[in-house]
Amino acid sequence: MWDRLSQIPAFHLQLLLLALSHPSPLSPGTPVTRGLCPQLAGLAVMAVGIWTLVLKSSYISLLSSGTYLATAYILVVAGVVVMVTGVLGCCATFKERRNLLRLYFILLLLIFLLELVAGVLAYVYYQQLSSELKENLRDTLTKRYQQQGHEAVTSAVDKLQQEFRCCGSNNSEDWRESAWVHSPEAQGRVVPDSCCKTLTPGCGTRDHASNIYKGGCISKLETFIQEHLQVIGAVGLGVACVQVFGMIFTCCLYKNLKLEHY
């Protein structure tokens, strides 16, 4: 297979490589737009990472592992590298410079490894998430809520219970063991106000089903995070597969340019 690929004319390999790094029509009068498509691809990858950090990271403080956050940072870094690589790929192909092709191949390999790591981490954490939440979420809610130095946990718990209309980890009874509930700061509340169906100050003093949500949050939080991990994993592994083709055609073009020069 490799021998057949190496026999493809260099011009044809250039077109194939440009199709991966720049899928828009080739026209000599549009140099500004040559790097547009790879930059858009990089922006898309980076956007998923930023989306995770900004809009989907509210509950990171409730997780004991940093894997979820790590996958998002990897996507952001990979997105930046993809944008730079797209421009370099166009320059290397048009100018037929072997040193640029070598650098382009190294960057493609870096992107491949970054995206592969992000995809694998997302898949592994997807499998471990259920057991992690069962082991740690209840303790996090009962021991850290409204405690000094754990303001992020308090904010995350209140948002979780209101957004998903739930109370406690397994159910509202979890709050009976809360350090905060048994402290003077609770002011007679048996559950946080965020458990209430109609949020008003002090509404957590009544734990009747007509006043608060009785169902737990653990299954809803697990589903929320798992769905986003699927997005991260799909983006990571999808971009990694594309880079494999880019590396193959880069090697073939490099070999053909070397042969043609001699």
C-alpha atoms as a PDB file:
ATOM      1  CA  MET A   1       0.000   0.000   0.000  1.00  0.00           C
ATOM      2  CA  TRP A   2       2.806   2.400   0.908  1.00  0.00           C
ATOM      3  CA  ASP A   3       4.567   1.742  -2.404  1.00  0.00           C
ATOM      4  CA  ARG A   4       1.401   2.561  -4.328  1.00  0.00           C
ATOM      5  CA  LEU A   5       0.929   5.787  -2.410  1.00  0.00           C
ATOM      6  CA  SER A   6       4.520   6.806  -3.004  1.00  0.00           C
ATOM      7  CA  GLN A   7       3.983   6.437  -6.766  1.00  0.00           C
ATOM      8  CA  ILE A   8       1.240   9.082  -6.824  1.00  0.00           C
ATOM      9  CA  PRO A   9       2.496  12.261  -8.540  1.00  0.00           C
ATOM     10  CA  ALA A  10       3.501  15.021  -6.149  1.00  0.00           C
ATOM     11  CA  PHE A  11       0.929  17.391  -7.626  1.00  0.00           C
ATOM     12  CA  HIS A  12      -1.882  14.977  -6.822  1.00  0.00           C
ATOM     13  CA  LEU A  13      -0.580  14.536  -3.288  1.00  0.00           C
ATOM     14  CA  GLN A  14      -0.531  18.302  -2.921  1.00  0.00           C
ATOM     15  CA  LEU A  15      -4.207  18.413  -3.791  1.00  0.00           C
ATOM     16  CA  LEU A  16      -4.976  15.646  -1.296  1.00  0.00           C
ATOM     17  CA  LEU A  17      -3.011  17.372   1.445  1.00  0.00           C
ATOM     18  CA  LEU A  18      -4.691  20.683   0.712  1.00  0.00           C
ATOM     19  CA  ALA A  19      -8.055  18.956   0.886  1.00  0.00           C
ATOM     20  CA  LEU A  20      -7.238  18.027   4.483  1.00  0.00           C
ATOM     21  CA  SER A  21      -5.696  21.310   5.546  1.00  0.00           C
ATOM     22  CA  HIS A  22      -7.757  23.559   3.245  1.00  0.00           C
ATOM     23  CA  PRO A  23     -10.909  22.076   1.704  1.00  0.00           C
ATOM     24  CA  SER A  24     -12.024  25.254  -0.103  1.00  0.00           C
ATOM     25  CA  PRO A  25     -11.498  25.702  -3.877  1.00  0.00           C
ATOM     26  CA  LEU A  26      -7.923  26.453  -4.902  1.00  0.00           C
ATOM     27  CA  SER A  27      -7.699  29.806  -6.568  1.00  0.00           C
ATOM     28  CA  PRO A  28      -4.444  31.737  -6.871  1.00  0.00           C
ATOM     29  CA  GLY A  29      -6.229  35.040  -6.340  1.00  0.00           C
ATOM     30  CA  THR A  30      -7.469  34.254  -2.831  1.00  0.00           C
ATOM     31  CA  PRO A  31      -4.396  33.926  -0.586  1.00  0.00           C
ATOM     32  CA  VAL A  32      -6.205  35.392   2.410  1.00  0.00           C
ATOM     33  CA  THR A  33      -8.779  32.576   2.516  1.00  0.00           C
ATOM     34  CA  ARG A  34      -6.338  29.685   2.123  1.00  0.00           C
ATOM     35  CA  GLY A  35      -5.955  29.259   5.874  1.00  0.00           C
ATOM     36  CA  LEU A  36      -9.614  29.939   6.669  1.00  0.00           C
ATOM     37  CA  CYS A  37     -10.961  26.377   6.786  1.00  0.00           C
ATOM     38  CA  PRO A  38      -8.292  24.907   9.073  1.00  0.00           C
ATOM     39  CA  GLN A  39      -8.710  27.910  11.315  1.00  0.00           C
ATOM     40  CA  LEU A  40     -12.452  27.267  11.453  1.00  0.00           C
ATOM     41  CA  ALA A  41     -11.780  23.620  12.295  1.00  0.00           C
ATOM     42  CA  GLY A  42      -9.420  24.710  15.054  1.00  0.00           C
ATOM     43  CA  LEU A  43     -11.987  27.180  16.328  1.00  0.00           C
ATOM     44  CA  ALA A  44     -14.601  24.421  16.414  1.00  0.00           C
ATOM     45  CA  VAL A  45     -12.361  22.152  18.489  1.00  0.00           C
ATOM     46  CA  MET A  46     -11.342  25.002  20.773  1.00  0.00           C
ATOM     47  CA  ALA A  47     -14.979  26.093  21.103  1.00  0.00           C
ATOM     48  CA  VAL A  48     -15.946  22.687  22.527  1.00  0.00           C
ATOM     49  CA  GLY A  49     -13.197  23.042  25.136  1.00  0.00           C
ATOM     50  CA  ILE A  50     -14.162  26.616  26.034  1.00  0.00           C
ATOM     51  CA  TRP A  51     -17.845  25.631  26.096  1.00  0.00           C
ATOM     52  CA  THR A  52     -16.965  22.970  28.653  1.00  0.00           C
ATOM     53  CA  LEU A  53     -14.927  25.356  30.792  1.00  0.00           C
ATOM     54  CA  VAL A  54     -17.380  28.267  30.717  1.00  0.00           C
ATOM     55  CA  LEU A  55     -20.867  26.791  30.427  1.00  0.00           C
ATOM     56  CA  LYS A  56     -20.504  23.171  31.498  1.00  0.00           C
ATOM     57  CA  SER A  57     -18.096  23.498  34.404  1.00  0.00           C
ATOM     58  CA  SER A  58     -20.556  24.630  37.083  1.00  0.00           C
ATOM     59  CA  TYR A  59     -20.410  21.249  38.778  1.00  0.00           C
ATOM     60  CA  ILE A  60     -16.665  20.586  38.552  1.00  0.00           C
ATOM     61  CA  SER A  61     -16.301  21.388  42.264  1.00  0.00           C
ATOM     62  CA  LEU A  62     -18.620  18.434  43.001  1.00  0.00           C
ATOM     63  CA  LEU A  63     -16.266  15.987  41.256  1.00  0.00           C
ATOM     64  CA  SER A  64     -13.315  14.459  43.086  1.00  0.00           C
ATOM     65  CA  SER A  65     -11.358  13.833  39.881  1.00  0.00           C
ATOM     66  CA  GLY A  66      -9.839  16.498  37.634  1.00  0.00           C
ATOM     67  CA  THR A  67     -10.225  14.383  34.473  1.00  0.00           C
ATOM     68  CA  TYR A  68     -13.308  16.223  33.208  1.00  0.00           C
ATOM     69  CA  LEU A  69     -11.520  19.568  33.449  1.00  0.00           C
ATOM     70  CA  ALA A  70      -8.318  18.162  31.895  1.00  0.00           C
ATOM     71  CA  THR A  71     -10.131  16.999  28.744  1.00  0.00           C
ATOM     72  CA  ALA A  72     -11.505  20.510  28.215  1.00  0.00           C
ATOM     73  CA  TYR A  73      -8.060  22.131  28.495  1.00  0.00           C
ATOM     74  CA  ILE A  74      -6.630  19.572  26.066  1.00  0.00           C
ATOM     75  CA  LEU A  75      -9.283  20.496  23.484  1.00  0.00           C
ATOM     76  CA  VAL A  76      -8.477  24.206  23.857  1.00  0.00           C
ATOM     77  CA  VAL A  77      -4.749  23.583  23.311  1.00  0.00           C
ATOM     78  CA  ALA A  78      -5.450  21.236  20.386  1.00  0.00           C
ATOM     79  CA  GLY A  79      -7.712  23.844  18.776  1.00  0.00           C
ATOM     80  CA  VAL A  80      -4.943  26.441  18.859  1.00  0.00           C
ATOM     81  CA  VAL A  81      -2.465  23.977  17.347  1.00  0.00           C
ATOM     82  CA  VAL A  82      -4.966  23.011  14.607  1.00  0.00           C
ATOM     83  CA  MET A  83      -5.322  26.665  13.521  1.00  0.00           C
ATOM     84  CA  VAL A  84      -1.565  27.157  13.343  1.00  0.00           C
ATOM     85  CA  THR A  85      -1.077  23.829  11.563  1.00  0.00           C
ATOM     86  CA  GLY A  86      -3.648  24.637   8.864  1.00  0.00           C
ATOM     87  CA  VAL A  87      -1.780  27.758   7.781  1.00  0.00           C
ATOM     88  CA  LEU A  88       1.568  25.948   7.889  1.00  0.00           C
ATOM     89  CA  GLY A  89       0.158  23.060   5.822  1.00  0.00           C
ATOM     90  CA  CYS A  90      -0.909  25.427   3.043  1.00  0.00           C
ATOM     91  CA  CYS A  91       2.507  27.134   3.007  1.00  0.00           C
ATOM     92  CA  ALA A  92       4.382  23.827   3.002  1.00  0.00           C
ATOM     93  CA  THR A  93       2.300  22.440   0.131  1.00  0.00           C
ATOM     94  CA  PHE A  94       2.389  25.512  -2.088  1.00  0.00           C
ATOM     95  CA  LYS A  95       6.105  26.171  -1.577  1.00  0.00           C
ATOM     96  CA  GLU A  96       7.088  22.469  -1.704  1.00  0.00           C
ATOM     97  CA  ARG A  97       9.507  22.939   1.185  1.00  0.00           C
ATOM     98  CA  ARG A  98      10.521  19.684   2.825  1.00  0.00           C
ATOM     99  CA  ASN A  99      11.553  21.357   6.078  1.00  0.00           C
ATOM    100  CA  LEU A 100       8.061  22.870   6.376  1.00  0.00           C
ATOM    101  CA  LEU A 101       6.528  19.473   5.622  1.00  0.00           C
ATOM    102  CA  ARG A 102       8.573  17.944   8.437  1.00  0.00           C
ATOM    103  CA  LEU A 103       7.328  20.605  10.845  1.00  0.00           C
ATOM    104  CA  TYR A 104       3.778  20.136   9.546  1.00  0.00           C
ATOM    105  CA  PHE A 105       3.996  16.381  10.175  1.00  0.00           C
ATOM    106  CA  ILE A 106       5.231  16.949  13.738  1.00  0.00           C
ATOM    107  CA  LEU A 107       2.330  19.289  14.456  1.00  0.00           C
ATOM    108  CA  LEU A 108      -0.145  16.811  12.975  1.00  0.00           C
ATOM    109  CA  LEU A 109       1.317  14.127  15.216  1.00  0.00           C
ATOM    110  CA  LEU A 110       0.997  16.455  18.220  1.00  0.00           C
ATOM    111  CA  ILE A 111      -2.662  17.147  17.391  1.00  0.00           C
ATOM    112  CA  PHE A 112      -3.272  13.428  16.936  1.00  0.00           C
ATOM    113  CA  LEU A 113      -1.803  12.638  20.349  1.00  0.00           C
ATOM    114  CA  LEU A 114      -3.653  15.486  22.088  1.00  0.00           C
ATOM    115  CA  GLU A 115      -7.009  14.533  20.603  1.00  0.00           C
ATOM    116  CA  LEU A 116      -6.390  10.853  21.247  1.00  0.00           C
ATOM    117  CA  VAL A 117      -5.609  11.575  24.894  1.00  0.00           C
ATOM    118  CA  ALA A 118      -8.736  13.738  25.213  1.00  0.00           C
ATOM    119  CA  GLY A 119     -10.904  11.040  23.658  1.00  0.00           C
ATOM    120  CA  VAL A 120      -9.452   8.232  25.773  1.00  0.00           C
ATOM    121  CA  LEU A 121      -9.716  10.291  28.975  1.00  0.00           C
ATOM    122  CA  ALA A 122     -13.345  11.100  28.201  1.00  0.00           C
ATOM    123  CA  TYR A 123     -14.118   7.425  27.561  1.00  0.00           C
ATOM    124  CA  VAL A 124     -12.326   6.199  30.713  1.00  0.00           C
ATOM    125  CA  TYR A 125     -13.928   8.848  32.912  1.00  0.00           C
ATOM    126  CA  TYR A 126     -17.326   8.023  31.389  1.00  0.00           C
ATOM    127  CA  GLN A 127     -16.908   4.501  32.744  1.00  0.00           C
ATOM    128  CA  GLN A 128     -15.722   5.670  36.176  1.00  0.00           C
ATOM    129  CA  LEU A 129     -18.170   8.529  36.716  1.00  0.00           C
ATOM    130  CA  SER A 130     -20.998   6.500  38.239  1.00  0.00           C
ATOM    131  CA  SER A 131     -18.849   4.927  40.963  1.00  0.00           C
ATOM    132  CA  GLU A 132     -17.124   8.257  41.710  1.00  0.00           C
ATOM    133  CA  LEU A 133     -20.426  10.057  42.247  1.00  0.00           C
ATOM    134  CA  LYS A 134     -21.794   7.253  44.424  1.00  0.00           C
ATOM    135  CA  GLU A 135     -18.684   7.348  46.610  1.00  0.00           C
ATOM    136  CA  ASN A 136     -18.205  11.103  46.936  1.00  0.00           C
ATOM    137  CA  LEU A 137     -21.258  13.208  46.064  1.00  0.00           C
ATOM    138  CA  ARG A 138     -23.191  12.529  49.285  1.00  0.00           C
ATOM    139  CA  ASP A 139     -20.175  13.341  51.466  1.00  0.00           C
ATOM    140  CA  THR A 140     -19.501  16.493  49.447  1.00  0.00           C
ATOM    141  CA  LEU A 141     -23.043  17.742  49.975  1.00  0.00           C
ATOM    142  CA  THR A 142     -23.258  16.930  53.681  1.00  0.00           C
ATOM    143  CA  LYS A 143     -19.742  17.940  54.760  1.00  0.00           C
ATOM    144  CA  ARG A 144     -18.863  20.914  52.530  1.00  0.00           C
ATOM    145  CA  TYR A 145     -22.116  22.734  51.894  1.00  0.00           C
ATOM    146  CA  GLN A 146     -22.103  26.231  53.449  1.00  0.00           C
ATOM    147  CA  GLN A 147     -18.695  25.562  55.005  1.00  0.00           C
ATOM    148  CA  GLN A 148     -15.933  28.158  55.009  1.00  0.00           C
ATOM    149  CA  GLY A 149     -13.535  27.730  52.105  1.00  0.00           C
ATOM    150  CA  HIS A 150     -16.045  25.712  50.073  1.00  0.00           C
ATOM    151  CA  GLU A 151     -18.063  28.522  48.524  1.00  0.00           C
ATOM    152  CA  ALA A 152     -17.776  26.946  45.052  1.00  0.00           C
ATOM    153  CA  VAL A 153     -19.351  23.735  46.361  1.00  0.00           C
ATOM    154  CA  THR A 154     -22.222  25.675  47.961  1.00  0.00           C
ATOM    155  CA  SER A 155     -22.901  27.571  44.736  1.00  0.00           C
ATOM    156  CA  ALA A 156     -22.714  24.370  42.659  1.00  0.00           C
ATOM    157  CA  VAL A 157     -25.084  22.476  44.972  1.00  0.00           C
ATOM    158  CA  ASP A 158     -27.674  25.257  44.942  1.00  0.00           C
ATOM    159  CA  LYS A 159     -27.520  25.516  41.163  1.00  0.00           C
ATOM    160  CA  LEU A 160     -27.674  21.727  40.778  1.00  0.00           C
ATOM    161  CA  GLN A 161     -30.771  21.363  42.948  1.00  0.00           C
ATOM    162  CA  GLN A 162     -32.622  24.212  41.291  1.00  0.00           C
ATOM    163  CA  GLU A 163     -31.654  23.401  37.712  1.00  0.00           C
ATOM    164  CA  PHE A 164     -32.413  19.679  37.945  1.00  0.00           C
ATOM    165  CA  ARG A 165     -35.264  19.989  40.456  1.00  0.00           C
ATOM    166  CA  CYS A 166     -33.752  17.580  42.938  1.00  0.00           C
ATOM    167  CA  CYS A 167     -32.651  17.522  46.562  1.00  0.00           C
ATOM    168  CA  GLY A 168     -29.677  15.751  48.109  1.00  0.00           C
ATOM    169  CA  SER A 169     -27.582  13.043  46.522  1.00  0.00           C
ATOM    170  CA  ASN A 170     -29.889  10.016  46.705  1.00  0.00           C
ATOM    171  CA  ASN A 171     -32.899  11.887  48.128  1.00  0.00           C
ATOM    172  CA  SER A 172     -33.787  14.783  50.416  1.00  0.00           C
ATOM    173  CA  GLU A 173     -33.135  12.645  53.501  1.00  0.00           C
ATOM    174  CA  ASP A 174     -29.389  13.015  52.883  1.00  0.00           C
ATOM    175  CA  TRP A 175     -29.532  16.514  54.333  1.00  0.00           C
ATOM    176  CA  ARG A 176     -30.362  15.138  57.782  1.00  0.00           C
ATOM    177  CA  GLU A 177     -26.664  14.312  58.158  1.00  0.00           C
ATOM    178  CA  SER A 178     -25.477  17.695  56.913  1.00  0.00           C
ATOM    179  CA  ALA A 179     -23.084  19.591  59.167  1.00  0.00           C
ATOM    180  CA  TRP A 180     -24.740  22.821  58.062  1.00  0.00           C
ATOM    181  CA  VAL A 181     -28.293  21.666  58.963  1.00  0.00           C
ATOM    182  CA  HIS A 182     -27.169  20.994  62.550  1.00  0.00           C
ATOM    183  CA  SER A 183     -25.440  24.373  62.853  1.00  0.00           C
ATOM    184  CA  PRO A 184     -26.992  27.687  64.009  1.00  0.00           C
ATOM    185  CA  GLU A 185     -26.414  29.118  60.509  1.00  0.00           C
ATOM    186  CA  ALA A 186     -29.193  26.900  59.139  1.00  0.00           C
ATOM    187  CA  GLN A 187     -31.760  28.845  61.214  1.00  0.00           C
ATOM    188  CA  GLY A 188     -34.066  25.869  61.539  1.00  0.00           C
ATOM    189  CA  ARG A 189     -33.831  24.735  57.920  1.00  0.00           C
ATOM    190  CA  VAL A 190     -33.908  20.973  57.355  1.00  0.00           C
ATOM    191  CA  VAL A 191     -32.849  21.304  53.717  1.00  0.00           C
ATOM    192  CA  PRO A 192     -31.269  24.163  51.729  1.00  0.00           C
ATOM    193  CA  ASP A 193     -33.674  26.655  50.219  1.00  0.00           C
ATOM    194  CA  SER A 194     -32.509  25.490  46.788  1.00  0.00           C
ATOM    195  CA  CYS A 195     -34.483  22.264  47.370  1.00  0.00           C
ATOM    196  CA  CYS A 196     -37.739  24.223  47.343  1.00  0.00           C
ATOM    197  CA  LYS A 197     -40.124  24.119  44.407  1.00  0.00           C
ATOM    198  CA  THR A 198     -40.762  27.832  44.928  1.00  0.00           C
ATOM    199  CA  LEU A 199     -37.531  29.466  46.039  1.00  0.00           C
ATOM    200  CA  THR A 200     -38.043  31.922  48.867  1.00  0.00           C
ATOM    201  CA  PRO A 201     -35.821  32.806  51.868  1.00  0.00           C
ATOM    202  CA  GLY A 202     -36.310  30.279  54.659  1.00  0.00           C
ATOM    203  CA  CYS A 203     -38.463  27.910  52.618  1.00  0.00           C
ATOM    204  CA  GLY A 204     -36.158  25.022  53.564  1.00  0.00           C
ATOM    205  CA  THR A 205     -37.712  24.814  57.033  1.00  0.00           C
ATOM    206  CA  ARG A 206     -40.459  22.541  55.652  1.00  0.00           C
ATOM    207  CA  ASP A 207     -39.499  19.253  53.985  1.00  0.00           C
ATOM    208  CA  HIS A 208     -42.990  18.237  52.905  1.00  0.00           C
ATOM    209  CA  ALA A 209     -43.322  16.903  49.334  1.00  0.00           C
ATOM    210  CA  SER A 210     -45.565  19.822  48.442  1.00  0.00           C
ATOM    211  CA  ASN A 211     -42.766  22.233  49.311  1.00  0.00           C
ATOM    212  CA  ILE A 212     -39.486  20.576  48.252  1.00  0.00           C
ATOM    213  CA  TYR A 213     -38.174  18.165  45.640  1.00  0.00           C
ATOM    214  CA  LYS A 214     -37.790  14.693  47.117  1.00  0.00           C
ATOM    215  CA  GLY A 215     -35.759  12.968  44.398  1.00  0.00           C
ATOM    216  CA  GLY A 216     -31.959  12.896  44.516  1.00  0.00           C
ATOM    217  CA  CYS A 217     -29.542  14.634  42.145  1.00  0.00           C
ATOM    218  CA  ILE A 218     -26.960  11.900  41.557  1.00  0.00           C
ATOM    219  CA  SER A 219     -28.553  10.247  38.518  1.00  0.00           C
ATOM    220  CA  LYS A 220     -29.340  13.600  36.875  1.00  0.00           C
ATOM    221  CA  LEU A 221     -25.814  14.918  37.399  1.00  0.00           C
ATOM    222  CA  GLU A 222     -24.359  11.660  36.079  1.00  0.00           C
ATOM    223  CA  THR A 223     -26.468  11.852  32.907  1.00  0.00           C
ATOM    224  CA  PHE A 224     -25.540  15.513  32.389  1.00  0.00           C
ATOM    225  CA  ILE A 225     -21.795  14.901  32.616  1.00  0.00           C
ATOM    226  CA  GLN A 226     -21.871  11.649  30.622  1.00  0.00           C
ATOM    227  CA  GLU A 227     -23.657  13.339  27.724  1.00  0.00           C
ATOM    228  CA  HIS A 228     -20.980  16.011  27.572  1.00  0.00           C
ATOM    229  CA  LEU A 229     -18.197  13.450  27.871  1.00  0.00           C
ATOM    230  CA  GLN A 230     -19.626  11.787  24.768  1.00  0.00           C
ATOM    231  CA  VAL A 231     -19.280  15.085  22.887  1.00  0.00           C
ATOM    232  CA  ILE A 232     -15.688  15.537  24.071  1.00  0.00           C
ATOM    233  CA  GLY A 233     -14.790  11.941  23.186  1.00  0.00           C
ATOM    234  CA  ALA A 234     -16.380  12.150  19.722  1.00  0.00           C
ATOM    235  CA  VAL A 235     -14.619  15.424  18.894  1.00  0.00           C
ATOM    236  CA  GLY A 236     -11.277  14.152  20.192  1.00  0.00           C
ATOM    237  CA  LEU A 237     -11.293  10.819  18.381  1.00  0.00           C
ATOM    238  CA  GLY A 238     -12.856  12.300  15.223  1.00  0.00           C
ATOM    239  CA  VAL A 239     -10.160  14.943  14.794  1.00  0.00           C
ATOM    240  CA  ALA A 240      -7.482  12.371  15.661  1.00  0.00           C
ATOM    241  CA  CYS A 241      -8.632  10.144  12.775  1.00  0.00           C
ATOM    242  CA  VAL A 242      -8.445  13.062  10.333  1.00  0.00           C
ATOM    243  CA  GLN A 243      -4.862  13.745  11.398  1.00  0.00           C
ATOM    244  CA  VAL A 244      -3.876  10.170  10.495  1.00  0.00           C
ATOM    245  CA  PHE A 245      -4.774  10.803   6.842  1.00  0.00           C
ATOM    246  CA  GLY A 246      -2.953  14.111   6.962  1.00  0.00           C
ATOM    247  CA  MET A 247       0.218  12.423   8.232  1.00  0.00           C
ATOM    248  CA  ILE A 248       0.040   9.700   5.554  1.00  0.00           C
ATOM    249  CA  PHE A 249      -0.255  12.170   2.675  1.00  0.00           C
ATOM    250  CA  THR A 250       2.407  14.415   4.187  1.00  0.00           C
ATOM    251  CA  CYS A 251       4.857  11.491   4.250  1.00  0.00           C
ATOM    252  CA  CYS A 252       3.996  10.568   0.661  1.00  0.00           C
ATOM    253  CA  LEU A 253       4.403  14.131  -0.565  1.00  0.00           C
ATOM    254  CA  TYR A 254       7.701  14.468   1.311  1.00  0.00           C
ATOM    255  CA  LYS A 255       9.013  11.283  -0.305  1.00  0.00           C
ATOM    256  CA  ASN A 256       7.880  12.318  -3.797  1.00  0.00           C
ATOM    257  CA  LEU A 257       9.443  15.767  -3.494  1.00  0.00           C
ATOM    258  CA  LYS A 258      12.697  14.130  -2.435  1.00  0.00           C
ATOM    259  CA  LEU A 259      12.620  11.785  -5.420  1.00  0.00           C
ATOM    260  CA  GLU A 260      11.768  14.543  -7.885  1.00  0.00           C
ATOM    261  CA  HIS A 261      14.669  16.706  -6.666  1.00  0.00           C
ATOM    262  CA  TYR A 262      17.038  13.909  -7.487  1.00  0.00           C
END
